[in-house]
Amino acid sequence: MKFIKYEIEQGLYYDLITIYAKTNKNTPFHFTFSESHTLKEVKDRLEDIAIKIDKP
């Protein structure tokens, strides 16, 4: 998995972060999460998504 970019949407009460990435097979995807998640949780979730996308 390769990270491409990220965007932060600032709200009145919370921020949303969107990460854009590509799987190992070069398929682009994105994931949006709130600021309350840890970086480890986000990384694990992105890796799970990438694996599921790359499955035949």
PDB file of N, CA and C in Angstrom:
ATOM      1  N   MET A   1       0.840  -1.167   0.000  1.00  0.00           N
ATOM      2  CA  MET A   1       0.000   0.000   0.000  1.00  0.00           C
ATOM      3  C   MET A   1       0.892   1.238   0.000  1.00  0.00           C
ATOM      4  N   LYS A   2       0.471   2.237  -0.766  1.00  0.00           N
ATOM      5  CA  LYS A   2       1.236   3.476  -0.873  1.00  0.00           C
ATOM      6  C   LYS A   2       0.306   4.654  -0.595  1.00  0.00           C
ATOM      7  N   PHE A   3       0.716   5.545   0.305  1.00  0.00           N
ATOM      8  CA  PHE A   3      -0.069   6.740   0.592  1.00  0.00           C
ATOM      9  C   PHE A   3       0.179   7.784  -0.485  1.00  0.00           C
ATOM     10  N   ILE A   4      -0.895   8.438  -0.939  1.00  0.00           N
ATOM     11  CA  ILE A   4      -0.774   9.450  -1.981  1.00  0.00           C
ATOM     12  C   ILE A   4      -0.863  10.849  -1.381  1.00  0.00           C
ATOM     13  N   LYS A   5      -1.951  11.105  -0.643  1.00  0.00           N
ATOM     14  CA  LYS A   5      -2.133  12.419  -0.017  1.00  0.00           C
ATOM     15  C   LYS A   5      -3.185  12.312   1.075  1.00  0.00           C
ATOM     16  N   TYR A   6      -3.365  13.402   1.809  1.00  0.00           N
ATOM     17  CA  TYR A   6      -4.427  13.452   2.802  1.00  0.00           C
ATOM     18  C   TYR A   6      -5.065  14.834   2.786  1.00  0.00           C
ATOM     19  N   GLU A   7      -6.305  14.916   3.267  1.00  0.00           N
ATOM     20  CA  GLU A   7      -7.018  16.184   3.386  1.00  0.00           C
ATOM     21  C   GLU A   7      -7.656  16.243   4.761  1.00  0.00           C
ATOM     22  N   ILE A   8      -7.690  17.433   5.347  1.00  0.00           N
ATOM     23  CA  ILE A   8      -8.324  17.626   6.643  1.00  0.00           C
ATOM     24  C   ILE A   8      -9.484  18.592   6.472  1.00  0.00           C
ATOM     25  N   GLU A   9     -10.670  18.155   6.884  1.00  0.00           N
ATOM     26  CA  GLU A   9     -11.865  18.998   6.852  1.00  0.00           C
ATOM     27  C   GLU A   9     -12.156  19.416   8.284  1.00  0.00           C
ATOM     28  N   GLN A  10     -12.005  20.708   8.548  1.00  0.00           N
ATOM     29  CA  GLN A  10     -12.194  21.190   9.907  1.00  0.00           C
ATOM     30  C   GLN A  10     -13.648  21.573  10.136  1.00  0.00           C
ATOM     31  N   GLY A  11     -14.232  20.974  11.158  1.00  0.00           N
ATOM     32  CA  GLY A  11     -15.599  21.268  11.536  1.00  0.00           C
ATOM     33  C   GLY A  11     -15.626  22.083  12.816  1.00  0.00           C
ATOM     34  N   LEU A  12     -16.806  22.455  13.231  1.00  0.00           N
ATOM     35  CA  LEU A  12     -16.955  23.245  14.448  1.00  0.00           C
ATOM     36  C   LEU A  12     -16.597  22.420  15.683  1.00  0.00           C
ATOM     37  N   TYR A  13     -16.989  21.148  15.699  1.00  0.00           N
ATOM     38  CA  TYR A  13     -16.785  20.308  16.875  1.00  0.00           C
ATOM     39  C   TYR A  13     -15.775  19.184  16.670  1.00  0.00           C
ATOM     40  N   TYR A  14     -15.415  18.885  15.427  1.00  0.00           N
ATOM     41  CA  TYR A  14     -14.490  17.785  15.155  1.00  0.00           C
ATOM     42  C   TYR A  14     -13.853  17.988  13.788  1.00  0.00           C
ATOM     43  N   ASP A  15     -12.767  17.279  13.549  1.00  0.00           N
ATOM     44  CA  ASP A  15     -12.094  17.300  12.251  1.00  0.00           C
ATOM     45  C   ASP A  15     -12.219  15.926  11.606  1.00  0.00           C
ATOM     46  N   LEU A  16     -12.342  15.914  10.283  1.00  0.00           N
ATOM     47  CA  LEU A  16     -12.345  14.667   9.520  1.00  0.00           C
ATOM     48  C   LEU A  16     -11.096  14.634   8.656  1.00  0.00           C
ATOM     49  N   ILE A  17     -10.444  13.498   8.627  1.00  0.00           N
ATOM     50  CA  ILE A  17      -9.238  13.326   7.829  1.00  0.00           C
ATOM     51  C   ILE A  17      -9.516  12.269   6.765  1.00  0.00           C
ATOM     52  N   THR A  18      -9.193  12.590   5.514  1.00  0.00           N
ATOM     53  CA  THR A  18      -9.340  11.630   4.423  1.00  0.00           C
ATOM     54  C   THR A  18      -7.956  11.289   3.900  1.00  0.00           C
ATOM     55  N   ILE A  19      -7.658  10.004   3.849  1.00  0.00           N
ATOM     56  CA  ILE A  19      -6.380   9.517   3.330  1.00  0.00           C
ATOM     57  C   ILE A  19      -6.627   8.893   1.971  1.00  0.00           C
ATOM     58  N   TYR A  20      -5.842   9.288   0.986  1.00  0.00           N
ATOM     59  CA  TYR A  20      -5.893   8.705  -0.358  1.00  0.00           C
ATOM     60  C   TYR A  20      -4.674   7.812  -0.507  1.00  0.00           C
ATOM     61  N   ALA A  21      -4.900   6.593  -1.000  1.00  0.00           N
ATOM     62  CA  ALA A  21      -3.810   5.616  -1.108  1.00  0.00           C
ATOM     63  C   ALA A  21      -4.017   4.739  -2.335  1.00  0.00           C
ATOM     64  N   LYS A  22      -3.012   3.909  -2.617  1.00  0.00           N
ATOM     65  CA  LYS A  22      -3.100   2.903  -3.682  1.00  0.00           C
ATOM     66  C   LYS A  22      -2.724   1.560  -3.088  1.00  0.00           C
ATOM     67  N   THR A  23      -3.403   0.512  -3.553  1.00  0.00           N
ATOM     68  CA  THR A  23      -3.079  -0.836  -3.105  1.00  0.00           C
ATOM     69  C   THR A  23      -1.788  -1.292  -3.772  1.00  0.00           C
ATOM     70  N   ASN A  24      -1.322  -2.482  -3.406  1.00  0.00           N
ATOM     71  CA  ASN A  24      -0.118  -3.042  -4.029  1.00  0.00           C
ATOM     72  C   ASN A  24      -0.313  -3.292  -5.518  1.00  0.00           C
ATOM     73  N   LYS A  25      -1.575  -3.454  -5.949  1.00  0.00           N
ATOM     74  CA  LYS A  25      -1.877  -3.643  -7.373  1.00  0.00           C
ATOM     75  C   LYS A  25      -2.243  -2.318  -8.044  1.00  0.00           C
ATOM     76  N   ASN A  26      -1.930  -1.215  -7.386  1.00  0.00           N
ATOM     77  CA  ASN A  26      -2.111   0.138  -7.932  1.00  0.00           C
ATOM     78  C   ASN A  26      -3.568   0.592  -8.049  1.00  0.00           C
ATOM     79  N   THR A  27      -4.471   0.010  -7.286  1.00  0.00           N
ATOM     80  CA  THR A  27      -5.868   0.431  -7.290  1.00  0.00           C
ATOM     81  C   THR A  27      -6.046   1.558  -6.275  1.00  0.00           C
ATOM     82  N   PRO A  28      -6.513   2.729  -6.707  1.00  0.00           N
ATOM     83  CA  PRO A  28      -6.684   3.837  -5.765  1.00  0.00           C
ATOM     84  C   PRO A  28      -7.915   3.636  -4.873  1.00  0.00           C
ATOM     85  N   PHE A  29      -7.816   4.113  -3.638  1.00  0.00           N
ATOM     86  CA  PHE A  29      -8.945   4.110  -2.715  1.00  0.00           C
ATOM     87  C   PHE A  29      -8.741   5.216  -1.691  1.00  0.00           C
ATOM     88  N   HIS A  30      -9.786   5.520  -0.926  1.00  0.00           N
ATOM     89  CA  HIS A  30      -9.657   6.512   0.133  1.00  0.00           C
ATOM     90  C   HIS A  30     -10.474   6.084   1.344  1.00  0.00           C
ATOM     91  N   PHE A  31     -10.133   6.646   2.494  1.00  0.00           N
ATOM     92  CA  PHE A  31     -10.791   6.326   3.752  1.00  0.00           C
ATOM     93  C   PHE A  31     -10.871   7.606   4.568  1.00  0.00           C
ATOM     94  N   THR A  32     -12.049   7.896   5.110  1.00  0.00           N
ATOM     95  CA  THR A  32     -12.256   9.085   5.935  1.00  0.00           C
ATOM     96  C   THR A  32     -12.516   8.650   7.368  1.00  0.00           C
ATOM     97  N   PHE A  33     -11.862   9.326   8.314  1.00  0.00           N
ATOM     98  CA  PHE A  33     -12.028   8.984   9.720  1.00  0.00           C
ATOM     99  C   PHE A  33     -12.010  10.254  10.559  1.00  0.00           C
ATOM    100  N   SER A  34     -12.500  10.136  11.784  1.00  0.00           N
ATOM    101  CA  SER A  34     -12.502  11.290  12.681  1.00  0.00           C
ATOM    102  C   SER A  34     -11.182  11.354  13.433  1.00  0.00           C
ATOM    103  N   GLU A  35     -10.932  12.500  14.007  1.00  0.00           N
ATOM    104  CA  GLU A  35      -9.677  12.721  14.709  1.00  0.00           C
ATOM    105  C   GLU A  35      -9.544  11.877  15.978  1.00  0.00           C
ATOM    106  N   SER A  36     -10.612  11.218  16.398  1.00  0.00           N
ATOM    107  CA  SER A  36     -10.576  10.438  17.638  1.00  0.00           C
ATOM    108  C   SER A  36      -9.876   9.089  17.476  1.00  0.00           C
ATOM    109  N   HIS A  37      -9.568   8.677  16.255  1.00  0.00           N
ATOM    110  CA  HIS A  37      -8.890   7.400  16.021  1.00  0.00           C
ATOM    111  C   HIS A  37      -7.380   7.568  16.141  1.00  0.00           C
ATOM    112  N   THR A  38      -6.721   6.519  16.608  1.00  0.00           N
ATOM    113  CA  THR A  38      -5.261   6.559  16.692  1.00  0.00           C
ATOM    114  C   THR A  38      -4.664   6.265  15.313  1.00  0.00           C
ATOM    115  N   LEU A  39      -3.421   6.642  15.130  1.00  0.00           N
ATOM    116  CA  LEU A  39      -2.748   6.361  13.858  1.00  0.00           C
ATOM    117  C   LEU A  39      -2.635   4.864  13.609  1.00  0.00           C
ATOM    118  N   LYS A  40      -2.435   4.085  14.659  1.00  0.00           N
ATOM    119  CA  LYS A  40      -2.357   2.626  14.510  1.00  0.00           C
ATOM    120  C   LYS A  40      -3.682   2.068  14.012  1.00  0.00           C
ATOM    121  N   GLU A  41      -4.802   2.538  14.561  1.00  0.00           N
ATOM    122  CA  GLU A  41      -6.119   2.082  14.111  1.00  0.00           C
ATOM    123  C   GLU A  41      -6.338   2.407  12.639  1.00  0.00           C
ATOM    124  N   VAL A  42      -5.960   3.605  12.250  1.00  0.00           N
ATOM    125  CA  VAL A  42      -6.139   4.034  10.861  1.00  0.00           C
ATOM    126  C   VAL A  42      -5.258   3.210   9.932  1.00  0.00           C
ATOM    127  N   LYS A  43      -3.996   3.023  10.297  1.00  0.00           N
ATOM    128  CA  LYS A  43      -3.074   2.230   9.467  1.00  0.00           C
ATOM    129  C   LYS A  43      -3.593   0.802   9.301  1.00  0.00           C
ATOM    130  N   ASP A  44      -4.027   0.186  10.396  1.00  0.00           N
ATOM    131  CA  ASP A  44      -4.555  -1.181  10.329  1.00  0.00           C
ATOM    132  C   ASP A  44      -5.779  -1.252   9.426  1.00  0.00           C
ATOM    133  N   ARG A  45      -6.663  -0.276   9.541  1.00  0.00           N
ATOM    134  CA  ARG A  45      -7.884  -0.257   8.719  1.00  0.00           C
ATOM    135  C   ARG A  45      -7.534  -0.080   7.241  1.00  0.00           C
ATOM    136  N   LEU A  46      -6.606   0.809   6.931  1.00  0.00           N
ATOM    137  CA  LEU A  46      -6.197   1.020   5.542  1.00  0.00           C
ATOM    138  C   LEU A  46      -5.580  -0.245   4.953  1.00  0.00           C
ATOM    139  N   GLU A  47      -4.760  -0.937   5.737  1.00  0.00           N
ATOM    140  CA  GLU A  47      -4.159  -2.186   5.260  1.00  0.00           C
ATOM    141  C   GLU A  47      -5.231  -3.238   5.004  1.00  0.00           C
ATOM    142  N   ASP A  48      -6.232  -3.334   5.885  1.00  0.00           N
ATOM    143  CA  ASP A  48      -7.346  -4.277   5.683  1.00  0.00           C
ATOM    144  C   ASP A  48      -8.106  -3.964   4.399  1.00  0.00           C
ATOM    145  N   ILE A  49      -8.382  -2.689   4.173  1.00  0.00           N
ATOM    146  CA  ILE A  49      -9.110  -2.274   2.966  1.00  0.00           C
ATOM    147  C   ILE A  49      -8.304  -2.637   1.720  1.00  0.00           C
ATOM    148  N   ALA A  50      -7.004  -2.330   1.730  1.00  0.00           N
ATOM    149  CA  ALA A  50      -6.146  -2.608   0.571  1.00  0.00           C
ATOM    150  C   ALA A  50      -6.108  -4.102   0.259  1.00  0.00           C
ATOM    151  N   ILE A  51      -6.029  -4.932   1.282  1.00  0.00           N
ATOM    152  CA  ILE A  51      -6.002  -6.388   1.074  1.00  0.00           C
ATOM    153  C   ILE A  51      -7.313  -6.860   0.459  1.00  0.00           C
ATOM    154  N   LYS A  52      -8.436  -6.357   0.964  1.00  0.00           N
ATOM    155  CA  LYS A  52      -9.747  -6.763   0.436  1.00  0.00           C
ATOM    156  C   LYS A  52      -9.933  -6.317  -1.011  1.00  0.00           C
ATOM    157  N   ILE A  53      -9.448  -5.142  -1.353  1.00  0.00           N
ATOM    158  CA  ILE A  53      -9.569  -4.642  -2.728  1.00  0.00           C
ATOM    159  C   ILE A  53      -8.737  -5.495  -3.682  1.00  0.00           C
ATOM    160  N   ASP A  54      -7.554  -5.896  -3.255  1.00  0.00           N
ATOM    161  CA  ASP A  54      -6.648  -6.663  -4.120  1.00  0.00           C
ATOM    162  C   ASP A  54      -7.030  -8.131  -4.276  1.00  0.00           C
ATOM    163  N   LYS A  55      -7.928  -8.630  -3.429  1.00  0.00           N
ATOM    164  CA  LYS A  55      -8.342 -10.040  -3.557  1.00  0.00           C
ATOM    165  C   LYS A  55      -9.060 -10.249  -4.879  1.00  0.00           C
ATOM    166  N   PRO A  56      -8.792 -11.403  -5.540  1.00  0.00           N
ATOM    167  CA  PRO A  56      -9.449 -11.665  -6.837  1.00  0.00           C
ATOM    168  C   PRO A  56     -10.937 -11.942  -6.693  1.00  0.00           C
TER     169      PRO A  56
END
